[in-house]
Amino acid sequence: MPAGKHKSGRYRKIFVRTPGSKVNVHYRERKPSIAKCGSCKKPLAGIPRERPAIFGKLPKTARRPERPYGGALCSRCTRELIKQKARSETQ
């Protein structure tokens, strides 16, 4: 029987074949949901879908895109926001 913590749904089952041709069950934590744009809710490109323990060990450039609003807005929404700001400054 699995331990109580493995029955909660927090961990996912990974079936691993051992060298003796037995199949064992390993339990791993589930990955978080994909990062989404703050305005249009479209999935963000360039942001890995990792648990915080692994995400924190990544270099900063691998965590999010190196541009304004990187990791918060998608490229289309960023482009539109920059256009709106430029147009409001000129008026």
PDB file of N, CA and C in Angstrom:
ATOM      1  N   MET A   1       0.843  -1.201   0.000  1.00  0.00           N
ATOM      2  CA  MET A   1       0.000   0.000   0.000  1.00  0.00           C
ATOM      3  C   MET A   1       0.878   1.252   0.000  1.00  0.00           C
ATOM      4  N   PRO A   2       0.469   2.269  -0.758  1.00  0.00           N
ATOM      5  CA  PRO A   2       1.242   3.504  -0.745  1.00  0.00           C
ATOM      6  C   PRO A   2       1.052   4.258   0.568  1.00  0.00           C
ATOM      7  N   ALA A   3       2.036   5.064   0.897  1.00  0.00           N
ATOM      8  CA  ALA A   3       1.943   5.898   2.087  1.00  0.00           C
ATOM      9  C   ALA A   3       0.818   6.916   1.901  1.00  0.00           C
ATOM     10  N   GLY A   4       0.326   7.445   3.002  1.00  0.00           N
ATOM     11  CA  GLY A   4      -0.799   8.372   2.941  1.00  0.00           C
ATOM     12  C   GLY A   4      -0.521   9.593   2.101  1.00  0.00           C
ATOM     13  N   LYS A   5       0.723  10.090   2.155  1.00  0.00           N
ATOM     14  CA  LYS A   5       1.051  11.293   1.379  1.00  0.00           C
ATOM     15  C   LYS A   5       1.001  11.032  -0.119  1.00  0.00           C
ATOM     16  N   HIS A   6       1.140   9.767  -0.537  1.00  0.00           N
ATOM     17  CA  HIS A   6       1.106   9.454  -1.951  1.00  0.00           C
ATOM     18  C   HIS A   6      -0.309   9.249  -2.475  1.00  0.00           C
ATOM     19  N   LYS A   7      -1.276   9.229  -1.602  1.00  0.00           N
ATOM     20  CA  LYS A   7      -2.663   9.023  -2.023  1.00  0.00           C
ATOM     21  C   LYS A   7      -3.427  10.321  -2.205  1.00  0.00           C
ATOM     22  N   SER A   8      -2.796  11.455  -1.891  1.00  0.00           N
ATOM     23  CA  SER A   8      -3.517  12.725  -1.866  1.00  0.00           C
ATOM     24  C   SER A   8      -3.729  13.331  -3.249  1.00  0.00           C
ATOM     25  N   GLY A   9      -2.937  12.950  -4.236  1.00  0.00           N
ATOM     26  CA  GLY A   9      -3.034  13.557  -5.552  1.00  0.00           C
ATOM     27  C   GLY A   9      -1.993  14.619  -5.779  1.00  0.00           C
ATOM     28  N   ARG A  10      -1.232  14.960  -4.738  1.00  0.00           N
ATOM     29  CA  ARG A  10      -0.170  15.948  -4.900  1.00  0.00           C
ATOM     30  C   ARG A  10       0.978  15.374  -5.726  1.00  0.00           C
ATOM     31  N   TYR A  11       1.206  14.087  -5.581  1.00  0.00           N
ATOM     32  CA  TYR A  11       2.282  13.425  -6.307  1.00  0.00           C
ATOM     33  C   TYR A  11       1.714  12.648  -7.484  1.00  0.00           C
ATOM     34  N   ARG A  12       2.460  12.595  -8.578  1.00  0.00           N
ATOM     35  CA  ARG A  12       2.030  11.797  -9.716  1.00  0.00           C
ATOM     36  C   ARG A  12       2.843  10.519  -9.760  1.00  0.00           C
ATOM     37  N   LYS A  13       2.262   9.493 -10.327  1.00  0.00           N
ATOM     38  CA  LYS A  13       2.919   8.197 -10.401  1.00  0.00           C
ATOM     39  C   LYS A  13       3.793   8.135 -11.648  1.00  0.00           C
ATOM     40  N   ILE A  14       5.005   7.657 -11.466  1.00  0.00           N
ATOM     41  CA  ILE A  14       5.920   7.403 -12.563  1.00  0.00           C
ATOM     42  C   ILE A  14       6.233   5.912 -12.511  1.00  0.00           C
ATOM     43  N   PHE A  15       5.918   5.180 -13.567  1.00  0.00           N
ATOM     44  CA  PHE A  15       6.188   3.751 -13.619  1.00  0.00           C
ATOM     45  C   PHE A  15       7.582   3.552 -14.205  1.00  0.00           C
ATOM     46  N   VAL A  16       8.476   2.923 -13.430  1.00  0.00           N
ATOM     47  CA  VAL A  16       9.868   2.762 -13.806  1.00  0.00           C
ATOM     48  C   VAL A  16      10.185   1.272 -13.912  1.00  0.00           C
ATOM     49  N   ARG A  17      10.738   0.877 -15.046  1.00  0.00           N
ATOM     50  CA  ARG A  17      11.144  -0.520 -15.225  1.00  0.00           C
ATOM     51  C   ARG A  17      12.563  -0.683 -14.700  1.00  0.00           C
ATOM     52  N   THR A  18      12.759  -1.622 -13.771  1.00  0.00           N
ATOM     53  CA  THR A  18      14.063  -1.875 -13.176  1.00  0.00           C
ATOM     54  C   THR A  18      14.846  -2.867 -14.037  1.00  0.00           C
ATOM     55  N   PRO A  19      16.149  -3.002 -13.792  1.00  0.00           N
ATOM     56  CA  PRO A  19      16.934  -3.949 -14.583  1.00  0.00           C
ATOM     57  C   PRO A  19      16.460  -5.397 -14.451  1.00  0.00           C
ATOM     58  N   GLY A  20      15.818  -5.746 -13.362  1.00  0.00           N
ATOM     59  CA  GLY A  20      15.298  -7.100 -13.188  1.00  0.00           C
ATOM     60  C   GLY A  20      13.944  -7.296 -13.846  1.00  0.00           C
ATOM     61  N   SER A  21      13.577  -6.393 -14.745  1.00  0.00           N
ATOM     62  CA  SER A  21      12.320  -6.373 -15.506  1.00  0.00           C
ATOM     63  C   SER A  21      11.076  -6.325 -14.625  1.00  0.00           C
ATOM     64  N   LYS A  22      11.210  -5.745 -13.430  1.00  0.00           N
ATOM     65  CA  LYS A  22      10.040  -5.442 -12.607  1.00  0.00           C
ATOM     66  C   LYS A  22       9.663  -3.986 -12.860  1.00  0.00           C
ATOM     67  N   VAL A  23       8.426  -3.667 -12.601  1.00  0.00           N
ATOM     68  CA  VAL A  23       7.974  -2.281 -12.741  1.00  0.00           C
ATOM     69  C   VAL A  23       7.684  -1.738 -11.353  1.00  0.00           C
ATOM     70  N   ASN A  24       8.410  -0.678 -10.978  1.00  0.00           N
ATOM     71  CA  ASN A  24       8.200  -0.029  -9.689  1.00  0.00           C
ATOM     72  C   ASN A  24       7.475   1.290  -9.907  1.00  0.00           C
ATOM     73  N   VAL A  25       6.834   1.761  -8.861  1.00  0.00           N
ATOM     74  CA  VAL A  25       6.142   3.044  -8.925  1.00  0.00           C
ATOM     75  C   VAL A  25       6.959   4.062  -8.144  1.00  0.00           C
ATOM     76  N   HIS A  26       7.380   5.130  -8.821  1.00  0.00           N
ATOM     77  CA  HIS A  26       8.023   6.252  -8.162  1.00  0.00           C
ATOM     78  C   HIS A  26       7.019   7.389  -8.117  1.00  0.00           C
ATOM     79  N   TYR A  27       7.108   8.213  -7.102  1.00  0.00           N
ATOM     80  CA  TYR A  27       6.195   9.342  -6.947  1.00  0.00           C
ATOM     81  C   TYR A  27       6.979  10.633  -7.069  1.00  0.00           C
ATOM     82  N   ARG A  28       6.514  11.524  -7.930  1.00  0.00           N
ATOM     83  CA  ARG A  28       7.133  12.834  -8.103  1.00  0.00           C
ATOM     84  C   ARG A  28       6.076  13.904  -7.963  1.00  0.00           C
ATOM     85  N   GLU A  29       6.520  15.086  -7.500  1.00  0.00           N
ATOM     86  CA  GLU A  29       5.574  16.194  -7.369  1.00  0.00           C
ATOM     87  C   GLU A  29       5.126  16.654  -8.748  1.00  0.00           C
ATOM     88  N   ARG A  30       3.900  17.107  -8.817  1.00  0.00           N
ATOM     89  CA  ARG A  30       3.359  17.603 -10.079  1.00  0.00           C
ATOM     90  C   ARG A  30       3.976  18.956 -10.414  1.00  0.00           C
ATOM     91  N   LYS A  31       4.004  19.263 -11.701  1.00  0.00           N
ATOM     92  CA  LYS A  31       4.508  20.564 -12.129  1.00  0.00           C
ATOM     93  C   LYS A  31       3.390  21.598 -12.020  1.00  0.00           C
ATOM     94  N   PRO A  32       3.739  22.864 -11.798  1.00  0.00           N
ATOM     95  CA  PRO A  32       2.707  23.899 -11.726  1.00  0.00           C
ATOM     96  C   PRO A  32       2.118  24.199 -13.102  1.00  0.00           C
ATOM     97  N   SER A  33       1.026  24.935 -13.111  1.00  0.00           N
ATOM     98  CA  SER A  33       0.398  25.297 -14.380  1.00  0.00           C
ATOM     99  C   SER A  33       1.303  26.269 -15.136  1.00  0.00           C
ATOM    100  N   ILE A  34       1.074  26.379 -16.418  1.00  0.00           N
ATOM    101  CA  ILE A  34       1.910  27.211 -17.274  1.00  0.00           C
ATOM    102  C   ILE A  34       1.653  28.689 -16.969  1.00  0.00           C
ATOM    103  N   ALA A  35       2.697  29.514 -17.109  1.00  0.00           N
ATOM    104  CA  ALA A  35       2.567  30.947 -16.851  1.00  0.00           C
ATOM    105  C   ALA A  35       1.714  31.582 -17.946  1.00  0.00           C
ATOM    106  N   LYS A  36       0.861  32.542 -17.563  1.00  0.00           N
ATOM    107  CA  LYS A  36      -0.057  33.178 -18.508  1.00  0.00           C
ATOM    108  C   LYS A  36       0.154  34.686 -18.526  1.00  0.00           C
ATOM    109  N   CYS A  37      -0.207  35.279 -19.649  1.00  0.00           N
ATOM    110  CA  CYS A  37      -0.116  36.727 -19.823  1.00  0.00           C
ATOM    111  C   CYS A  37      -1.073  37.427 -18.859  1.00  0.00           C
ATOM    112  N   GLY A  38      -0.650  38.572 -18.336  1.00  0.00           N
ATOM    113  CA  GLY A  38      -1.463  39.286 -17.371  1.00  0.00           C
ATOM    114  C   GLY A  38      -2.709  39.920 -17.949  1.00  0.00           C
ATOM    115  N   SER A  39      -2.718  40.190 -19.251  1.00  0.00           N
ATOM    116  CA  SER A  39      -3.883  40.858 -19.813  1.00  0.00           C
ATOM    117  C   SER A  39      -4.742  39.933 -20.677  1.00  0.00           C
ATOM    118  N   CYS A  40      -4.131  39.119 -21.540  1.00  0.00           N
ATOM    119  CA  CYS A  40      -4.947  38.306 -22.449  1.00  0.00           C
ATOM    120  C   CYS A  40      -5.026  36.838 -22.029  1.00  0.00           C
ATOM    121  N   LYS A  41      -4.301  36.439 -20.998  1.00  0.00           N
ATOM    122  CA  LYS A  41      -4.314  35.070 -20.445  1.00  0.00           C
ATOM    123  C   LYS A  41      -3.769  34.022 -21.416  1.00  0.00           C
ATOM    124  N   LYS A  42      -3.012  34.455 -22.422  1.00  0.00           N
ATOM    125  CA  LYS A  42      -2.375  33.519 -23.348  1.00  0.00           C
ATOM    126  C   LYS A  42      -1.134  32.936 -22.669  1.00  0.00           C
ATOM    127  N   PRO A  43      -0.789  31.655 -22.902  1.00  0.00           N
ATOM    128  CA  PRO A  43       0.427  31.086 -22.290  1.00  0.00           C
ATOM    129  C   PRO A  43       1.675  31.849 -22.725  1.00  0.00           C
ATOM    130  N   LEU A  44       2.553  32.111 -21.755  1.00  0.00           N
ATOM    131  CA  LEU A  44       3.764  32.869 -22.042  1.00  0.00           C
ATOM    132  C   LEU A  44       4.848  31.959 -22.590  1.00  0.00           C
ATOM    133  N   ALA A  45       5.508  32.402 -23.639  1.00  0.00           N
ATOM    134  CA  ALA A  45       6.623  31.660 -24.215  1.00  0.00           C
ATOM    135  C   ALA A  45       7.898  32.041 -23.480  1.00  0.00           C
ATOM    136  N   GLY A  46       8.820  31.104 -23.345  1.00  0.00           N
ATOM    137  CA  GLY A  46      10.118  31.396 -22.754  1.00  0.00           C
ATOM    138  C   GLY A  46      10.176  31.256 -21.256  1.00  0.00           C
ATOM    139  N   ILE A  47       9.093  30.793 -20.621  1.00  0.00           N
ATOM    140  CA  ILE A  47       9.096  30.598 -19.177  1.00  0.00           C
ATOM    141  C   ILE A  47       8.925  29.116 -18.908  1.00  0.00           C
ATOM    142  N   PRO A  48       9.905  28.478 -18.253  1.00  0.00           N
ATOM    143  CA  PRO A  48       9.805  27.036 -18.030  1.00  0.00           C
ATOM    144  C   PRO A  48       8.718  26.689 -17.036  1.00  0.00           C
ATOM    145  N   ARG A  49       8.158  25.515 -17.193  1.00  0.00           N
ATOM    146  CA  ARG A  49       7.099  25.028 -16.308  1.00  0.00           C
ATOM    147  C   ARG A  49       7.745  24.115 -15.282  1.00  0.00           C
ATOM    148  N   GLU A  50       8.310  24.707 -14.235  1.00  0.00           N
ATOM    149  CA  GLU A  50       9.042  23.954 -13.224  1.00  0.00           C
ATOM    150  C   GLU A  50       8.545  24.308 -11.832  1.00  0.00           C
ATOM    151  N   ARG A  51       8.861  23.410 -10.894  1.00  0.00           N
ATOM    152  CA  ARG A  51       8.534  23.659  -9.495  1.00  0.00           C
ATOM    153  C   ARG A  51       9.447  24.756  -8.953  1.00  0.00           C
ATOM    154  N   PRO A  52       9.023  25.475  -7.920  1.00  0.00           N
ATOM    155  CA  PRO A  52       9.825  26.590  -7.417  1.00  0.00           C
ATOM    156  C   PRO A  52      11.244  26.201  -6.996  1.00  0.00           C
ATOM    157  N   ALA A  53      11.445  24.998  -6.464  1.00  0.00           N
ATOM    158  CA  ALA A  53      12.770  24.584  -6.041  1.00  0.00           C
ATOM    159  C   ALA A  53      13.724  24.494  -7.231  1.00  0.00           C
ATOM    160  N   ILE A  54      13.236  24.019  -8.349  1.00  0.00           N
ATOM    161  CA  ILE A  54      14.064  23.903  -9.552  1.00  0.00           C
ATOM    162  C   ILE A  54      14.133  25.241 -10.267  1.00  0.00           C
ATOM    163  N   PHE A  55      13.030  25.960 -10.296  1.00  0.00           N
ATOM    164  CA  PHE A  55      12.954  27.256 -10.984  1.00  0.00           C
ATOM    165  C   PHE A  55      13.938  28.250 -10.374  1.00  0.00           C
ATOM    166  N   GLY A  56      14.075  28.237  -9.059  1.00  0.00           N
ATOM    167  CA  GLY A  56      14.970  29.168  -8.379  1.00  0.00           C
ATOM    168  C   GLY A  56      16.429  28.912  -8.659  1.00  0.00           C
ATOM    169  N   LYS A  57      16.780  27.696  -9.048  1.00  0.00           N
ATOM    170  CA  LYS A  57      18.172  27.353  -9.338  1.00  0.00           C
ATOM    171  C   LYS A  57      18.568  27.670 -10.772  1.00  0.00           C
ATOM    172  N   LEU A  58      17.593  28.019 -11.610  1.00  0.00           N
ATOM    173  CA  LEU A  58      17.898  28.374 -12.995  1.00  0.00           C
ATOM    174  C   LEU A  58      18.551  29.757 -13.048  1.00  0.00           C
ATOM    175  N   PRO A  59      19.396  30.019 -14.052  1.00  0.00           N
ATOM    176  CA  PRO A  59      19.918  31.372 -14.189  1.00  0.00           C
ATOM    177  C   PRO A  59      18.796  32.343 -14.540  1.00  0.00           C
ATOM    178  N   LYS A  60      19.011  33.594 -14.212  1.00  0.00           N
ATOM    179  CA  LYS A  60      17.957  34.597 -14.389  1.00  0.00           C
ATOM    180  C   LYS A  60      17.481  34.686 -15.839  1.00  0.00           C
ATOM    181  N   THR A  61      18.406  34.531 -16.790  1.00  0.00           N
ATOM    182  CA  THR A  61      18.024  34.646 -18.194  1.00  0.00           C
ATOM    183  C   THR A  61      17.182  33.464 -18.655  1.00  0.00           C
ATOM    184  N   ALA A  62      17.216  32.348 -17.936  1.00  0.00           N
ATOM    185  CA  ALA A  62      16.407  31.194 -18.311  1.00  0.00           C
ATOM    186  C   ALA A  62      15.023  31.241 -17.670  1.00  0.00           C
ATOM    187  N   ARG A  63      14.843  32.110 -16.684  1.00  0.00           N
ATOM    188  CA  ARG A  63      13.555  32.179 -15.978  1.00  0.00           C
ATOM    189  C   ARG A  63      12.500  32.968 -16.731  1.00  0.00           C
ATOM    190  N   ARG A  64      12.938  33.985 -17.485  1.00  0.00           N
ATOM    191  CA  ARG A  64      11.979  34.838 -18.177  1.00  0.00           C
ATOM    192  C   ARG A  64      12.686  35.553 -19.314  1.00  0.00           C
ATOM    193  N   PRO A  65      11.943  36.061 -20.294  1.00  0.00           N
ATOM    194  CA  PRO A  65      12.569  36.780 -21.407  1.00  0.00           C
ATOM    195  C   PRO A  65      13.196  38.094 -20.950  1.00  0.00           C
ATOM    196  N   GLU A  66      14.281  38.465 -21.599  1.00  0.00           N
ATOM    197  CA  GLU A  66      15.011  39.690 -21.261  1.00  0.00           C
ATOM    198  C   GLU A  66      14.470  40.853 -22.096  1.00  0.00           C
ATOM    199  N   ARG A  67      13.287  41.318 -21.761  1.00  0.00           N
ATOM    200  CA  ARG A  67      12.710  42.470 -22.444  1.00  0.00           C
ATOM    201  C   ARG A  67      11.744  43.124 -21.473  1.00  0.00           C
ATOM    202  N   PRO A  68      11.291  44.341 -21.774  1.00  0.00           N
ATOM    203  CA  PRO A  68      10.323  44.977 -20.880  1.00  0.00           C
ATOM    204  C   PRO A  68       9.066  44.114 -20.737  1.00  0.00           C
ATOM    205  N   TYR A  69       8.585  44.003 -19.520  1.00  0.00           N
ATOM    206  CA  TYR A  69       7.407  43.201 -19.165  1.00  0.00           C
ATOM    207  C   TYR A  69       7.612  41.713 -19.445  1.00  0.00           C
ATOM    208  N   GLY A  70       8.865  41.257 -19.535  1.00  0.00           N
ATOM    209  CA  GLY A  70       9.148  39.846 -19.748  1.00  0.00           C
ATOM    210  C   GLY A  70       8.694  39.038 -18.554  1.00  0.00           C
ATOM    211  N   GLY A  71       7.918  38.003 -18.779  1.00  0.00           N
ATOM    212  CA  GLY A  71       7.404  37.176 -17.703  1.00  0.00           C
ATOM    213  C   GLY A  71       6.071  37.649 -17.162  1.00  0.00           C
ATOM    214  N   ALA A  72       5.586  38.803 -17.625  1.00  0.00           N
ATOM    215  CA  ALA A  72       4.302  39.312 -17.163  1.00  0.00           C
ATOM    216  C   ALA A  72       3.302  39.449 -18.310  1.00  0.00           C
ATOM    217  N   LEU A  73       3.786  39.923 -19.463  1.00  0.00           N
ATOM    218  CA  LEU A  73       2.921  40.115 -20.625  1.00  0.00           C
ATOM    219  C   LEU A  73       3.488  39.355 -21.821  1.00  0.00           C
ATOM    220  N   CYS A  74       2.595  38.912 -22.705  1.00  0.00           N
ATOM    221  CA  CYS A  74       3.040  38.252 -23.937  1.00  0.00           C
ATOM    222  C   CYS A  74       3.593  39.314 -24.881  1.00  0.00           C
ATOM    223  N   SER A  75       4.213  38.880 -25.968  1.00  0.00           N
ATOM    224  CA  SER A  75       4.863  39.823 -26.870  1.00  0.00           C
ATOM    225  C   SER A  75       3.858  40.764 -27.529  1.00  0.00           C
ATOM    226  N   ARG A  76       2.684  40.242 -27.880  1.00  0.00           N
ATOM    227  CA  ARG A  76       1.671  41.076 -28.535  1.00  0.00           C
ATOM    228  C   ARG A  76       1.167  42.171 -27.588  1.00  0.00           C
ATOM    229  N   CYS A  77       0.850  41.805 -26.350  1.00  0.00           N
ATOM    230  CA  CYS A  77       0.353  42.796 -25.384  1.00  0.00           C
ATOM    231  C   CYS A  77       1.441  43.811 -25.029  1.00  0.00           C
ATOM    232  N   THR A  78       2.698  43.360 -24.957  1.00  0.00           N
ATOM    233  CA  THR A  78       3.810  44.272 -24.697  1.00  0.00           C
ATOM    234  C   THR A  78       3.936  45.287 -25.820  1.00  0.00           C
ATOM    235  N   ARG A  79       3.835  44.804 -27.050  1.00  0.00           N
ATOM    236  CA  ARG A  79       3.938  45.678 -28.209  1.00  0.00           C
ATOM    237  C   ARG A  79       2.841  46.734 -28.183  1.00  0.00           C
ATOM    238  N   GLU A  80       1.610  46.304 -27.888  1.00  0.00           N
ATOM    239  CA  GLU A  80       0.484  47.243 -27.842  1.00  0.00           C
ATOM    240  C   GLU A  80       0.648  48.272 -26.721  1.00  0.00           C
ATOM    241  N   LEU A  81       1.143  47.826 -25.559  1.00  0.00           N
ATOM    242  CA  LEU A  81       1.336  48.731 -24.427  1.00  0.00           C
ATOM    243  C   LEU A  81       2.388  49.781 -24.735  1.00  0.00           C
ATOM    244  N   ILE A  82       3.484  49.368 -25.361  1.00  0.00           N
ATOM    245  CA  ILE A  82       4.543  50.314 -25.718  1.00  0.00           C
ATOM    246  C   ILE A  82       4.028  51.322 -26.735  1.00  0.00           C
ATOM    247  N   LYS A  83       3.219  50.868 -27.688  1.00  0.00           N
ATOM    248  CA  LYS A  83       2.626  51.790 -28.667  1.00  0.00           C
ATOM    249  C   LYS A  83       1.729  52.811 -27.983  1.00  0.00           C
ATOM    250  N   GLN A  84       0.875  52.333 -27.040  1.00  0.00           N
ATOM    251  CA  GLN A  84      -0.027  53.236 -26.340  1.00  0.00           C
ATOM    252  C   GLN A  84       0.756  54.272 -25.538  1.00  0.00           C
ATOM    253  N   LYS A  85       1.822  53.857 -24.862  1.00  0.00           N
ATOM    254  CA  LYS A  85       2.617  54.794 -24.067  1.00  0.00           C
ATOM    255  C   LYS A  85       3.308  55.828 -24.961  1.00  0.00           C
ATOM    256  N   ALA A  86       3.828  55.399 -26.098  1.00  0.00           N
ATOM    257  CA  ALA A  86       4.490  56.327 -27.016  1.00  0.00           C
ATOM    258  C   ALA A  86       3.492  57.331 -27.583  1.00  0.00           C
ATOM    259  N   ARG A  87       2.284  56.865 -27.900  1.00  0.00           N
ATOM    260  CA  ARG A  87       1.264  57.749 -28.452  1.00  0.00           C
ATOM    261  C   ARG A  87       0.771  58.731 -27.402  1.00  0.00           C
ATOM    262  N   SER A  88       0.674  58.315 -26.134  1.00  0.00           N
ATOM    263  CA  SER A  88       0.186  59.214 -25.094  1.00  0.00           C
ATOM    264  C   SER A  88       1.241  60.268 -24.749  1.00  0.00           C
ATOM    265  N   GLU A  89       2.536  59.945 -24.904  1.00  0.00           N
ATOM    266  CA  GLU A  89       3.594  60.933 -24.632  1.00  0.00           C
ATOM    267  C   GLU A  89       3.602  62.045 -25.668  1.00  0.00           C
ATOM    268  N   THR A  90       3.313  61.694 -26.919  1.00  0.00           N
ATOM    269  CA  THR A  90       3.362  62.705 -27.976  1.00  0.00           C
ATOM    270  C   THR A  90       2.167  63.641 -27.937  1.00  0.00           C
ATOM    271  N   GLN A  91       1.084  63.226 -27.340  1.00  0.00           N
ATOM    272  CA  GLN A  91      -0.109  64.078 -27.325  1.00  0.00           C
ATOM    273  C   GLN A  91      -0.143  64.977 -26.133  1.00  0.00           C
TER     274      GLN A  91
END
